[in-house]
């Protein structure tokens, strides 16, 4: 038998290496199984309420028993979500997540002063939820269809106004995209949130608006607003008779407010990210989450980590083109 200089056989050396490798592999699995080792925090870069916050709170409750640790939601609103996103990006505790939304990819394009980069600073975990916008006009408007709205905008350039919840918001950019795709002139009228916009929209002081479904559903059903179209891929349960923009020949206006779960880059082990990806997909497939999301006018939007990263990239590129074409600047 071959001996090493110290008298240890080659077989003993190889056996020792195999044992060490096995120990490493066992330790590797153990580490994956025990992440997280403390409370997980999900930062929501908005005040309580809204799609991202609601998604985070539903998931926190569902994921906690699966992870074996408490999951808390921490709201950090401000600067159109930039404050919360930056706080998450700078967190290095290995137990912080971010429930981001469309604004996460819009803000760096809109405002050069914002220094975070989604692809560089975050690891994707998965898409979570989606929520359509509804194109509405006041009930007093003579416009009763999407085709009539486009015709009116073309017949009277510059006279149609589109109210939105603030400069650079999804509602604002969707109205600007509408103007590009229909080759019409629409004047944007920003408000400080949808609650400030709604009285003027209902009163007929603005012509139309692309608003979040939960904000307008009550007013549509009461007859104060008229829904012309929804921006989702398929009709929504709450408004089954309202056509999608895709069905009206405008697939480029298929826009959804979404929520995505991400982690600060490199702070959670790969096995931990894989575990989160799996648990998130399982949670979104449960009747519990589907039912709770439906009550909030949200739809599960399950995507893999790779698909989520690609979605974030394509969304940034899409809105960058709109911002550039329309010459939109940050406030």
Protein backbone atom coordinates (compact mmCIF):
# COMPACT_ATOMS: atom_id res chain seq x y z
CA UNK A 1 0.00 0.00 0.00
CA UNK A 2 1.31 3.46 -0.91
CA UNK A 3 2.25 5.56 2.08
CA UNK A 4 2.54 9.33 2.46
CA UNK A 5 5.78 10.62 4.07
CA UNK A 6 4.03 10.63 7.42
CA UNK A 7 3.04 7.00 7.07
CA UNK A 8 -0.67 7.67 6.40
CA UNK A 9 -2.06 5.55 3.60
CA UNK A 10 -3.48 7.14 0.43
CA UNK A 11 -6.78 5.37 1.20
CA UNK A 12 -6.92 7.05 4.60
CA UNK A 13 -6.28 10.44 3.02
CA UNK A 14 -9.02 9.93 0.45
CA UNK A 15 -11.40 8.68 3.12
CA UNK A 16 -10.68 11.76 5.18
CA UNK A 17 -11.34 14.03 2.21
CA UNK A 18 -14.62 12.27 1.48
CA UNK A 19 -15.69 12.65 5.09
CA UNK A 20 -14.78 16.35 5.04
CA UNK A 21 -16.75 16.86 1.83
CA UNK A 22 -19.76 15.08 3.27
CA UNK A 23 -19.55 17.21 6.38
CA UNK A 24 -19.43 20.34 4.23
CA UNK A 25 -22.46 19.21 2.27
CA UNK A 26 -24.39 18.43 5.43
CA UNK A 27 -23.48 21.83 6.82
CA UNK A 28 -24.59 23.43 3.55
CA UNK A 29 -28.01 21.83 3.74
CA UNK A 30 -28.31 22.69 7.41
CA UNK A 31 -27.60 26.35 6.68
CA UNK A 32 -30.29 26.43 4.00
CA UNK A 33 -32.81 24.79 6.28
CA UNK A 34 -32.18 27.21 9.13
CA UNK A 35 -32.36 30.47 7.20
CA UNK A 36 -33.78 32.75 8.48
CA UNK A 37 -32.27 32.71 11.94
CA UNK A 38 -34.23 35.73 13.21
CA UNK A 39 -37.19 37.97 12.38
CA UNK A 40 -37.56 38.83 8.71
CA UNK A 41 -38.43 42.41 7.85
CA UNK A 42 -40.30 43.41 4.69
CA UNK A 43 -39.85 47.09 3.91
CA UNK A 44 -42.77 48.67 2.06
CA UNK A 45 -41.77 52.07 0.60
CA UNK A 46 -45.29 53.47 0.98
CA UNK A 47 -47.72 54.38 3.71
CA UNK A 48 -50.09 51.59 4.82
CA UNK A 49 -52.70 50.70 2.21
CA UNK A 50 -52.25 50.10 -1.50
CA UNK A 51 -51.21 47.06 -3.49
CA UNK A 52 -47.62 46.67 -2.30
CA UNK A 53 -48.49 47.13 1.37
CA UNK A 54 -51.48 44.79 1.20
CA UNK A 55 -49.43 42.16 -0.62
CA UNK A 56 -46.69 42.36 2.00
CA UNK A 57 -49.10 41.98 4.90
CA UNK A 58 -50.85 38.96 3.42
CA UNK A 59 -47.53 37.28 2.65
CA UNK A 60 -46.03 38.10 6.04
CA UNK A 61 -48.83 36.20 7.72
CA UNK A 62 -48.65 33.23 5.34
CA UNK A 63 -44.86 32.92 5.13
CA UNK A 64 -44.03 33.27 8.84
CA UNK A 65 -44.99 29.69 9.85
CA UNK A 66 -43.23 28.30 6.78
CA UNK A 67 -40.02 30.18 7.58
CA UNK A 68 -40.19 29.43 11.28
CA UNK A 69 -39.62 33.08 12.17
CA UNK A 70 -41.74 36.18 12.60
CA UNK A 71 -42.19 38.31 9.49
CA UNK A 72 -42.91 41.99 10.07
CA UNK A 73 -43.89 44.75 7.65
CA UNK A 74 -42.20 48.12 8.04
CA UNK A 75 -43.55 51.11 6.11
CA UNK A 76 -40.97 53.67 4.97
CA UNK A 77 -42.82 56.11 2.69
CA UNK A 78 -41.45 59.22 1.02
CA UNK A 79 -39.96 60.59 -2.20
CA UNK A 80 -42.23 58.48 -4.38
CA UNK A 81 -40.94 55.29 -2.67
CA UNK A 82 -37.24 56.17 -3.10
CA UNK A 83 -36.64 56.51 0.66
CA UNK A 84 -37.85 53.00 1.42
CA UNK A 85 -36.08 51.47 -1.56
CA UNK A 86 -32.78 53.09 -0.55
CA UNK A 87 -33.24 51.95 3.06
CA UNK A 88 -33.68 48.38 1.86
CA UNK A 89 -30.72 48.57 -0.53
CA UNK A 90 -28.45 49.72 2.29
CA UNK A 91 -29.57 47.04 4.75
CA UNK A 92 -26.94 44.35 5.32
CA UNK A 93 -28.51 42.32 8.12
CA UNK A 94 -29.38 39.41 5.83
CA UNK A 95 -33.01 39.39 6.97
CA UNK A 96 -34.44 42.40 5.14
CA UNK A 97 -36.65 42.23 2.06
CA UNK A 98 -38.31 44.92 -0.04
CA UNK A 99 -41.82 44.79 -1.46
CA UNK A 100 -41.24 47.05 -4.43
CA UNK A 101 -43.63 48.29 -7.10
CA UNK A 102 -43.54 49.99 -10.49
CA UNK A 103 -42.09 53.12 -8.94
CA UNK A 104 -39.00 51.14 -7.97
CA UNK A 105 -37.93 50.98 -11.64
CA UNK A 106 -39.49 54.29 -12.72
CA UNK A 107 -37.81 56.59 -10.18
CA UNK A 108 -34.16 56.09 -11.25
CA UNK A 109 -35.18 56.79 -14.85
CA UNK A 110 -37.24 59.82 -13.96
CA UNK A 111 -34.82 61.37 -11.49
CA UNK A 112 -31.03 61.23 -12.09
CA UNK A 113 -30.47 62.22 -8.43
CA UNK A 114 -31.66 58.77 -7.36
CA UNK A 115 -28.56 56.60 -7.20
CA UNK A 116 -29.84 53.06 -6.64
CA UNK A 117 -29.91 50.59 -9.50
CA UNK A 118 -32.41 47.74 -9.23
CA UNK A 119 -30.31 45.18 -11.13
CA UNK A 120 -27.11 46.13 -9.31
CA UNK A 121 -28.48 46.57 -5.79
CA UNK A 122 -31.12 43.84 -5.46
CA UNK A 123 -31.59 40.10 -5.89
CA UNK A 124 -34.99 39.17 -7.29
CA UNK A 125 -37.13 36.77 -5.27
CA UNK A 126 -40.40 36.79 -7.23
CA UNK A 127 -43.29 38.80 -8.56
CA UNK A 128 -46.18 38.84 -6.10
CA UNK A 129 -49.33 40.60 -7.25
CA UNK A 130 -50.82 42.60 -10.09
CA UNK A 131 -53.59 45.16 -10.20
CA UNK A 132 -55.08 46.77 -13.32
CA UNK A 133 -55.73 50.40 -14.03
CA UNK A 134 -59.19 51.47 -15.13
CA UNK A 135 -59.71 54.17 -17.74
CA UNK A 136 -62.61 56.26 -16.45
CA UNK A 137 -64.51 59.41 -17.39
CA UNK A 138 -67.06 61.38 -15.36
CA UNK A 139 -70.60 60.08 -15.57
CA UNK A 140 -71.58 63.47 -17.01
CA UNK A 141 -69.20 63.04 -19.97
CA UNK A 142 -70.72 62.48 -23.39
CA UNK A 143 -67.97 59.92 -24.03
CA UNK A 144 -69.26 56.38 -23.63
CA UNK A 145 -66.52 54.25 -25.19
CA UNK A 146 -62.78 54.05 -25.70
CA UNK A 147 -63.20 54.75 -29.43
CA UNK A 148 -65.14 57.93 -28.65
CA UNK A 149 -62.43 59.05 -26.22
CA UNK A 150 -59.73 58.67 -28.87
CA UNK A 151 -61.89 60.42 -31.47
CA UNK A 152 -62.52 63.31 -29.08
CA UNK A 153 -58.83 63.65 -28.30
CA UNK A 154 -57.99 63.76 -32.01
CA UNK A 155 -60.79 66.17 -32.89
CA UNK A 156 -59.84 68.68 -30.17
CA UNK A 157 -56.05 68.54 -29.73
CA UNK A 158 -54.82 69.74 -26.36
CA UNK A 159 -58.23 70.11 -24.77
CA UNK A 160 -58.47 66.67 -23.17
CA UNK A 161 -57.09 66.46 -19.64
CA UNK A 162 -55.98 63.30 -17.86
CA UNK A 163 -55.86 63.48 -14.09
CA UNK A 164 -53.32 61.43 -12.19
CA UNK A 165 -52.05 60.83 -8.68
CA UNK A 166 -48.75 62.66 -9.20
CA UNK A 167 -45.93 63.34 -11.62
CA UNK A 168 -44.13 60.15 -12.64
CA UNK A 169 -46.74 57.81 -11.18
CA UNK A 170 -47.99 54.82 -13.14
CA UNK A 171 -51.28 56.63 -13.81
CA UNK A 172 -49.39 59.60 -15.23
CA UNK A 173 -47.07 57.55 -17.42
CA UNK A 174 -49.93 55.40 -18.70
CA UNK A 175 -51.81 58.50 -19.84
CA UNK A 176 -48.64 59.71 -21.57
CA UNK A 177 -48.27 56.29 -23.20
CA UNK A 178 -51.90 56.58 -24.35
CA UNK A 179 -51.07 59.88 -26.05
CA UNK A 180 -48.06 58.32 -27.79
CA UNK A 181 -49.89 55.21 -28.98
CA UNK A 182 -53.01 57.03 -30.17
CA UNK A 183 -51.09 60.00 -31.59
CA UNK A 184 -53.22 62.42 -29.62
CA UNK A 185 -52.52 65.44 -27.44
CA UNK A 186 -53.52 64.96 -23.81
CA UNK A 187 -52.71 67.40 -21.01
CA UNK A 188 -51.55 65.80 -17.78
CA UNK A 189 -53.03 67.18 -14.55
CA UNK A 190 -51.15 65.91 -11.48
CA UNK A 191 -52.72 65.75 -8.02
CA UNK A 192 -51.34 64.81 -4.63
CA UNK A 193 -52.80 61.33 -4.65
CA UNK A 194 -55.95 59.73 -6.01
CA UNK A 195 -58.06 60.95 -3.09
CA UNK A 196 -57.35 64.54 -4.17
CA UNK A 197 -58.05 63.76 -7.82
CA UNK A 198 -61.35 61.90 -7.45
CA UNK A 199 -63.63 64.87 -6.54
CA UNK A 200 -62.48 66.82 -9.60
CA UNK A 201 -62.75 63.76 -11.84
CA UNK A 202 -66.26 62.97 -10.60
CA UNK A 203 -67.18 66.64 -10.95
CA UNK A 204 -66.02 66.78 -14.55
CA UNK A 205 -63.13 69.20 -14.00
CA UNK A 206 -60.78 66.72 -15.72
CA UNK A 207 -61.70 64.66 -18.78
CA UNK A 208 -60.44 61.21 -17.82
CA UNK A 209 -57.89 59.23 -15.85
CA UNK A 210 -56.19 55.86 -15.53
CA UNK A 211 -56.80 54.96 -11.90
CA UNK A 212 -56.23 51.98 -9.66
CA UNK A 213 -59.19 49.61 -9.56
CA UNK A 214 -59.82 49.78 -5.76
CA UNK A 215 -59.95 53.60 -5.90
CA UNK A 216 -62.69 53.77 -8.51
CA UNK A 217 -64.75 50.60 -8.21
CA UNK A 218 -67.23 52.10 -5.72
CA UNK A 219 -67.69 55.22 -7.84
CA UNK A 220 -68.19 53.14 -10.99
CA UNK A 221 -70.83 50.97 -9.34
CA UNK A 222 -72.59 54.03 -7.88
CA UNK A 223 -72.73 55.66 -11.31
CA UNK A 224 -70.46 58.63 -10.56
CA UNK A 225 -67.75 57.42 -12.96
CA UNK A 226 -67.95 55.51 -16.24
CA UNK A 227 -65.41 52.80 -16.97
CA UNK A 228 -64.28 52.61 -20.59
CA UNK A 229 -61.55 49.96 -20.39
CA UNK A 230 -59.24 48.04 -18.09
CA UNK A 231 -55.51 47.65 -18.63
CA UNK A 232 -55.22 44.02 -17.52
CA UNK A 233 -54.62 41.09 -19.92
CA UNK A 234 -58.11 39.74 -19.20
CA UNK A 235 -61.36 41.30 -17.93
CA UNK A 236 -61.54 41.80 -14.18
CA UNK A 237 -64.13 40.05 -12.05
CA UNK A 238 -65.41 43.31 -10.55
CA UNK A 239 -66.12 44.79 -14.01
CA UNK A 240 -66.89 41.81 -16.24
CA UNK A 241 -68.52 43.91 -18.96
CA UNK A 242 -65.70 46.43 -19.29
CA UNK A 243 -63.37 45.54 -22.19
CA UNK A 244 -59.61 45.25 -21.94
CA UNK A 245 -57.46 47.67 -23.89
CA UNK A 246 -55.92 44.68 -25.63
CA UNK A 247 -59.33 43.60 -26.92
CA UNK A 248 -59.84 47.14 -28.19
CA UNK A 249 -56.73 46.91 -30.35
CA UNK A 250 -54.31 48.56 -27.90
CA UNK A 251 -52.08 45.77 -26.54
CA UNK A 252 -49.29 48.29 -25.96
CA UNK A 253 -51.48 49.89 -23.27
CA UNK A 254 -51.61 46.70 -21.24
CA UNK A 255 -50.30 48.11 -17.97
CA UNK A 256 -50.55 46.74 -14.46
CA UNK A 257 -49.55 47.95 -11.08
CA UNK A 258 -47.39 45.18 -9.68
CA UNK A 259 -45.62 44.24 -6.48
CA UNK A 260 -42.32 42.35 -6.44
CA UNK A 261 -40.31 40.86 -3.60
CA UNK A 262 -36.56 41.52 -3.73
CA UNK A 263 -33.61 41.33 -1.33
CA UNK A 264 -30.57 43.60 -0.97
CA UNK A 265 -27.89 42.20 -3.26
CA UNK A 266 -25.79 39.44 -1.75
CA UNK A 267 -27.26 39.64 1.75
CA UNK A 268 -29.28 36.41 1.71
CA UNK A 269 -27.55 33.10 0.87
CA UNK A 270 -28.42 31.54 -2.47
CA UNK A 271 -30.12 28.65 -0.72
CA UNK A 272 -32.15 31.12 1.30
CA UNK A 273 -33.22 32.93 -1.87
CA UNK A 274 -34.15 29.62 -3.48
CA UNK A 275 -36.19 28.70 -0.41
CA UNK A 276 -37.98 32.05 -0.50
CA UNK A 277 -38.69 31.63 -4.21
CA UNK A 278 -40.27 28.23 -3.60
CA UNK A 279 -42.30 29.30 -0.56
CA UNK A 280 -43.54 32.43 -2.35
CA UNK A 281 -44.73 30.43 -5.36
CA UNK A 282 -46.46 27.94 -3.06
CA UNK A 283 -48.14 30.74 -1.10
CA UNK A 284 -49.46 32.46 -4.23
CA UNK A 285 -51.04 29.18 -5.34
CA UNK A 286 -53.03 28.71 -2.13
CA UNK A 287 -56.74 29.41 -1.89
CA UNK A 288 -56.05 31.53 1.18
CA UNK A 289 -53.86 34.02 -0.67
CA UNK A 290 -56.06 33.99 -3.77
CA UNK A 291 -59.14 34.78 -1.70
CA UNK A 292 -57.47 37.53 0.30
CA UNK A 293 -55.92 39.06 -2.78
CA UNK A 294 -59.28 39.01 -4.60
CA UNK A 295 -60.86 40.93 -1.72
CA UNK A 296 -58.20 43.60 -2.28
CA UNK A 297 -58.66 43.63 -6.09
CA UNK A 298 -55.24 42.00 -6.46
CA UNK A 299 -54.30 39.03 -8.61
CA UNK A 300 -51.45 36.60 -7.78
CA UNK A 301 -48.57 37.25 -10.18
CA UNK A 302 -46.21 34.32 -9.68
CA UNK A 303 -42.90 34.44 -11.54
CA UNK A 304 -39.53 32.76 -10.97
CA UNK A 305 -36.50 34.69 -9.80
CA UNK A 306 -35.10 34.86 -13.33
CA UNK A 307 -38.45 35.90 -14.79
CA UNK A 308 -38.81 38.55 -12.10
CA UNK A 309 -35.38 40.00 -12.85
CA UNK A 310 -36.31 40.15 -16.53
CA UNK A 311 -39.65 41.79 -15.76
CA UNK A 312 -37.97 44.50 -13.70
CA UNK A 313 -35.51 45.12 -16.52
CA UNK A 314 -38.15 45.29 -19.25
CA UNK A 315 -40.42 47.54 -17.18
CA UNK A 316 -37.56 49.98 -16.61
CA UNK A 317 -36.83 50.07 -20.35
CA UNK A 318 -40.49 50.56 -21.22
CA UNK A 319 -41.02 53.57 -18.99
CA UNK A 320 -37.64 55.03 -19.86
CA UNK A 321 -38.82 55.26 -23.47
CA UNK A 322 -42.08 56.97 -22.47
CA UNK A 323 -40.28 59.43 -20.19
CA UNK A 324 -37.78 60.26 -22.92
CA UNK A 325 -40.37 60.56 -25.70
CA UNK A 326 -42.68 62.79 -23.68
CA UNK A 327 -39.90 64.85 -22.09
CA UNK A 328 -41.08 64.14 -18.55
CA UNK A 329 -38.98 65.58 -15.73
CA UNK A 330 -38.94 64.96 -12.00
CA UNK A 331 -40.66 67.56 -9.82
